[in-house]
Protein backbone atom coordinates (compact mmCIF):
# COMPACT_ATOMS: atom_id res chain seq x y z
CA MET A 1 26.45 16.22 -5.24
CA ALA A 2 23.14 14.57 -4.41
CA THR A 3 22.92 12.04 -1.61
CA THR A 4 20.68 8.97 -1.47
CA LYS A 5 17.89 9.53 1.05
CA PHE A 6 15.87 6.98 3.00
CA ARG A 7 12.17 7.23 2.15
CA PRO A 8 9.61 5.54 4.40
CA CYS A 9 7.00 3.03 3.26
CA ILE A 10 3.80 1.60 4.67
CA ASP A 11 2.90 -1.68 2.95
CA LEU A 12 -0.68 -2.81 3.54
CA HIS A 13 -1.96 -6.36 3.11
CA GLU A 14 -5.41 -7.45 4.26
CA GLY A 15 -5.79 -4.16 6.11
CA LYS A 16 -2.64 -4.50 8.20
CA VAL A 17 0.87 -3.08 7.99
CA LYS A 18 3.06 -5.94 6.78
CA GLN A 19 6.33 -6.84 5.14
CA ILE A 20 6.05 -9.63 2.58
CA VAL A 21 8.35 -11.42 0.14
CA GLY A 22 7.57 -9.54 -3.06
CA GLY A 23 7.31 -12.31 -5.61
CA THR A 24 4.98 -14.46 -3.46
CA LEU A 25 1.87 -12.23 -3.49
CA ASN A 26 -1.15 -13.87 -5.13
CA ASP A 27 -4.87 -14.54 -4.55
CA ASP A 28 -4.05 -17.05 -1.81
CA GLY A 29 -1.96 -14.59 0.22
CA ALA A 30 1.77 -14.07 0.53
CA VAL A 31 4.85 -15.16 2.45
CA GLU A 32 4.93 -12.74 5.38
CA ASN A 33 8.07 -11.44 7.07
CA PHE A 34 6.25 -9.23 9.56
CA VAL A 35 2.73 -8.29 10.62
CA SER A 36 2.53 -5.15 12.74
CA GLU A 37 0.34 -4.74 15.78
CA LYS A 38 0.49 -0.99 15.23
CA SER A 39 -1.99 0.91 13.06
CA PRO A 40 -1.25 2.51 9.69
CA SER A 41 -1.82 5.92 11.29
CA TRP A 42 0.83 5.19 13.95
CA TYR A 43 3.45 4.82 11.22
CA ALA A 44 2.19 7.85 9.29
CA GLU A 45 2.29 10.02 12.40
CA LYS A 46 5.81 8.82 13.23
CA PHE A 47 7.09 9.63 9.74
CA ALA A 48 5.32 13.01 9.84
CA GLY A 49 6.89 13.84 13.21
CA ASP A 50 10.33 13.21 11.74
CA ASP A 51 9.48 15.05 8.50
CA LEU A 52 10.31 12.03 6.33
CA GLY A 53 8.73 13.24 3.12
CA GLY A 54 8.45 11.37 -0.16
CA GLY A 55 7.34 8.07 1.34
CA HIS A 56 4.49 5.91 0.16
CA VAL A 57 1.57 3.71 1.15
CA ILE A 58 1.15 0.61 -1.02
CA GLN A 59 -2.04 -1.46 -1.06
CA LEU A 60 -1.00 -5.05 -1.74
CA GLY A 61 -4.25 -6.48 -3.07
CA PRO A 62 -7.85 -5.76 -2.00
CA GLY A 63 -9.17 -5.02 1.48
CA ASN A 64 -6.85 -2.11 2.26
CA ASP A 65 -8.98 0.91 1.40
CA SER A 66 -9.84 2.02 4.93
CA ALA A 67 -6.32 1.32 6.22
CA ALA A 68 -4.84 3.40 3.39
CA ARG A 69 -7.22 6.28 4.06
CA GLU A 70 -6.33 6.12 7.73
CA ALA A 71 -2.63 6.52 6.94
CA LEU A 72 -3.19 9.34 4.46
CA GLY A 73 -5.49 11.14 6.86
CA ALA A 74 -2.86 11.00 9.59
CA TRP A 75 -0.39 12.91 7.41
CA ARG A 76 -2.25 14.81 4.73
CA GLY A 77 0.00 15.67 1.81
CA GLY A 78 2.90 13.67 3.23
CA LEU A 79 2.55 10.24 1.60
CA GLN A 80 2.04 8.85 -1.89
CA ILE A 81 -0.56 6.11 -2.48
CA GLY A 82 -0.26 3.10 -4.76
CA GLY A 83 -2.20 -0.08 -5.45
CA GLY A 84 -5.31 -0.15 -7.61
CA ILE A 85 -5.01 3.45 -8.79
CA THR A 86 -6.92 4.34 -11.97
CA LEU A 87 -8.12 7.45 -13.78
CA GLU A 88 -11.48 7.01 -12.08
CA ASN A 89 -10.21 7.05 -8.49
CA ALA A 90 -6.97 9.08 -8.65
CA THR A 91 -8.60 12.39 -7.74
CA SER A 92 -10.42 10.89 -4.76
CA TRP A 93 -7.14 9.54 -3.40
CA LEU A 94 -5.55 12.98 -3.69
CA GLU A 95 -8.57 14.42 -1.89
CA ALA A 96 -8.08 11.76 0.82
CA GLY A 97 -4.66 13.26 1.52
CA ALA A 98 -2.21 11.59 -0.86
CA SER A 99 0.60 13.80 -2.13
CA GLU A 100 0.77 11.82 -5.39
CA VAL A 101 -0.68 8.63 -6.83
CA ILE A 102 1.48 5.66 -7.85
CA VAL A 103 0.39 3.64 -10.88
CA THR A 104 1.53 0.39 -12.47
CA SER A 105 -1.02 -2.18 -13.59
CA TRP A 106 -3.65 0.26 -14.88
CA PHE A 107 -1.18 1.43 -17.55
CA PHE A 108 -1.25 -2.04 -19.16
CA ASP A 109 -3.84 -4.24 -20.85
CA GLY A 110 -4.42 -7.86 -19.84
CA GLU A 111 -1.66 -9.03 -22.18
CA GLY A 112 0.92 -6.72 -20.67
CA ARG A 113 0.95 -4.15 -23.45
CA PHE A 114 1.61 -0.56 -22.34
CA LEU A 115 -1.31 1.81 -22.95
CA ALA A 116 0.21 5.23 -23.59
CA ASP A 117 -3.23 6.83 -23.93
CA ARG A 118 -3.95 5.99 -20.29
CA ALA A 119 -0.71 7.58 -19.13
CA GLU A 120 -1.54 10.68 -21.15
CA ALA A 121 -5.09 10.81 -19.79
CA LEU A 122 -4.02 10.53 -16.15
CA ALA A 123 -1.32 13.19 -16.54
CA ARG A 124 -3.87 15.46 -18.18
CA GLU A 125 -6.50 14.82 -15.48
CA ILE A 126 -4.42 15.45 -12.34
CA GLY A 127 -1.16 16.89 -13.69
CA ALA A 128 1.99 14.90 -14.44
CA LYS A 129 3.65 16.11 -11.22
CA LYS A 130 0.98 14.27 -9.21
CA VAL A 131 1.76 10.95 -10.93
CA VAL A 132 4.44 8.47 -9.81
CA ILE A 133 5.01 5.69 -12.32
CA ASP A 134 5.91 2.41 -10.62
CA LEU A 135 8.19 0.37 -12.86
CA SER A 136 8.33 -2.60 -10.50
CA CYS A 137 10.29 -5.18 -12.41
CA ARG A 138 11.67 -8.69 -12.59
CA GLN A 139 14.80 -9.83 -14.33
CA VAL A 140 14.27 -11.33 -17.78
CA GLY A 141 17.44 -12.49 -19.52
CA GLU A 142 20.09 -9.80 -19.22
CA GLY A 143 17.61 -7.03 -18.48
CA TRP A 144 14.39 -6.25 -16.64
CA LYS A 145 10.73 -6.00 -17.58
CA VAL A 146 7.90 -4.35 -15.70
CA ALA A 147 5.81 -6.81 -13.66
CA MET A 148 2.15 -6.00 -13.01
CA ASN A 149 -0.74 -7.66 -11.15
CA ARG A 150 1.12 -7.92 -7.84
CA TRP A 151 4.36 -8.68 -9.71
CA GLN A 152 2.96 -11.91 -11.16
CA THR A 153 2.54 -10.86 -14.82
CA ILE A 154 5.59 -9.88 -16.89
CA THR A 155 4.72 -7.10 -19.35
CA GLU A 156 6.30 -6.16 -22.67
CA LEU A 157 7.86 -3.01 -21.21
CA GLU A 158 11.60 -3.14 -20.66
CA VAL A 159 13.13 -1.12 -17.84
CA ASP A 160 15.91 0.84 -19.50
CA LEU A 161 16.89 4.48 -19.93
CA GLU A 162 14.91 4.80 -23.16
CA THR A 163 11.71 3.68 -21.42
CA ILE A 164 12.31 5.93 -18.42
CA ASP A 165 12.98 8.91 -20.69
CA HIS A 166 9.79 8.30 -22.68
CA LEU A 167 7.59 7.85 -19.61
CA SER A 168 9.00 10.85 -17.75
CA GLN A 169 6.69 13.13 -19.71
CA PHE A 170 3.73 11.54 -17.89
CA CYS A 171 5.00 11.72 -14.29
CA GLY A 172 6.89 13.67 -11.67
CA GLU A 173 8.97 10.75 -10.45
CA PHE A 174 9.44 6.97 -10.57
CA LEU A 175 9.23 4.20 -8.00
CA ILE A 176 11.08 1.03 -8.96
CA HIS A 177 10.71 -2.16 -6.95
CA ALA A 178 13.20 -4.92 -7.72
CA ALA A 179 10.54 -7.58 -7.18
CA ASP A 180 12.96 -10.52 -7.33
CA VAL A 181 14.78 -9.31 -4.20
CA GLU A 182 11.91 -7.49 -2.47
CA GLY A 183 11.41 -8.63 1.13
CA LYS A 184 14.37 -11.03 1.16
CA CYS A 185 16.97 -8.83 2.90
CA GLY A 186 19.49 -10.42 0.59
CA GLY A 187 21.00 -7.31 -0.88
CA VAL A 188 20.05 -4.88 -3.62
CA ASP A 189 19.96 -5.55 -7.35
CA VAL A 190 23.26 -3.83 -8.07
CA PRO A 191 23.11 -3.95 -11.90
CA LEU A 192 19.64 -2.37 -11.76
CA VAL A 193 20.87 0.32 -9.36
CA ASN A 194 23.81 1.02 -11.70
CA LEU A 195 21.42 1.42 -14.62
CA LEU A 196 18.99 3.68 -12.76
CA GLY A 197 21.86 5.83 -11.50
CA LEU A 198 22.56 6.87 -15.09
CA TRP A 199 19.20 8.67 -15.26
CA GLU A 200 19.63 12.41 -14.73
CA GLY A 201 16.00 13.47 -14.95
CA CYS A 202 13.26 13.35 -12.31
CA ALA A 203 13.59 11.55 -8.98
CA ILE A 204 13.67 7.74 -8.72
CA THR A 205 13.09 5.78 -5.53
CA TYR A 206 14.51 2.25 -5.47
CA ALA A 207 13.02 -0.52 -3.32
CA GLY A 208 14.16 -4.09 -2.81
CA GLY A 209 16.66 -6.06 -0.75
CA VAL A 210 18.17 -3.26 1.35
CA ARG A 211 19.77 -4.88 4.42
CA GLY A 212 21.13 -1.82 6.21
CA LEU A 213 23.39 1.21 6.00
CA GLU A 214 26.00 -0.57 3.89
CA ASP A 215 23.41 -1.11 1.16
CA LEU A 216 22.34 2.54 1.36
CA LYS A 217 25.99 3.48 0.90
CA LEU A 218 26.19 1.08 -2.04
CA ILE A 219 23.12 2.65 -3.66
CA ASN A 220 24.53 6.12 -3.02
CA ASP A 221 27.90 5.26 -4.56
CA ALA A 222 26.53 3.24 -7.48
CA SER A 223 24.00 5.92 -8.45
CA GLY A 224 26.02 9.01 -7.66
CA GLY A 225 23.42 9.80 -5.02
CA ARG A 226 20.71 10.14 -7.65
CA LEU A 227 18.50 7.34 -6.28
CA ASP A 228 16.53 7.45 -3.05
CA ALA A 229 15.67 4.16 -1.35
CA THR A 230 13.14 2.50 0.92
CA VAL A 231 13.97 0.01 3.67
CA GLY A 232 11.36 -2.58 4.59
CA SER A 233 11.96 -5.99 6.14
CA ALA A 234 15.42 -5.09 7.47
CA LEU A 235 14.09 -2.13 9.50
CA ASP A 236 13.44 -2.48 13.22
CA LEU A 237 10.07 -0.73 12.85
CA PHE A 238 9.02 -3.75 10.77
CA GLY A 239 10.59 -6.41 12.96
CA GLY A 240 13.95 -6.38 11.22
CA THR A 241 17.44 -6.50 12.70
CA GLY A 242 19.48 -5.00 9.86
CA VAL A 243 19.12 -1.31 10.67
CA SER A 244 17.36 0.90 13.19
CA TYR A 245 15.00 3.72 12.39
CA LYS A 246 17.23 6.09 14.39
CA GLU A 247 20.22 5.15 12.22
CA LEU A 248 18.24 5.97 9.08
CA LEU A 249 17.21 9.35 10.48
CA LYS A 250 20.87 10.09 11.17
CA TRP A 251 21.74 8.95 7.63
CA ASN A 252 19.24 11.41 6.16
CA GLN A 253 20.69 14.19 8.31
CA GLY A 254 24.13 13.44 6.87
């Protein structure tokens, strides 16, 4: 049986490694949980040294290009890159050292309508296996819809098994942020985890609200080990007190 694995993340805001409250990011800034004094490359080198594959670098808004390239250059082929990815720049990010590119907003028009032709074009250009589709979402009624533009705009696209199945032809895996709980250390979105755990196709990484090892166990049990997970604001590397990096390494080692 599969086991949920911890995947590392490097979130960049205004050129620095930060942890923010997900739903607060806009043109005026964001509510910050943590601003690191360490460089993006420090984190990338640490994750590389511990062979923590499958992690990602996310650019939260503009002004993060050089910081992102620094992280990718420190561990070439070891980290995915997301934030502002388009057909025009995807190849250059892969050449900069990204293992895959993560895409959300570019797949939608300004009204939040999904543009399947863009997904097809990107998969054709770089290969579907090099694409990670980010279905970052917010709860709407009894379900969830993808949120784009730094999680501020709710799109038409529902997050359900039918959507995931349809989109899986365009990507090698999914990243799903539960934006309503992101950065709050208040626990995971259990109904969303239950839903995602029913998917038996390509890999899915869940992000949002993980407080420590108990929540990793919850994700593992609720998804049958089919989901991997990131830990942000609760992690001691990011100023958190919920779980230590050493504990997560031990978790991954079983």
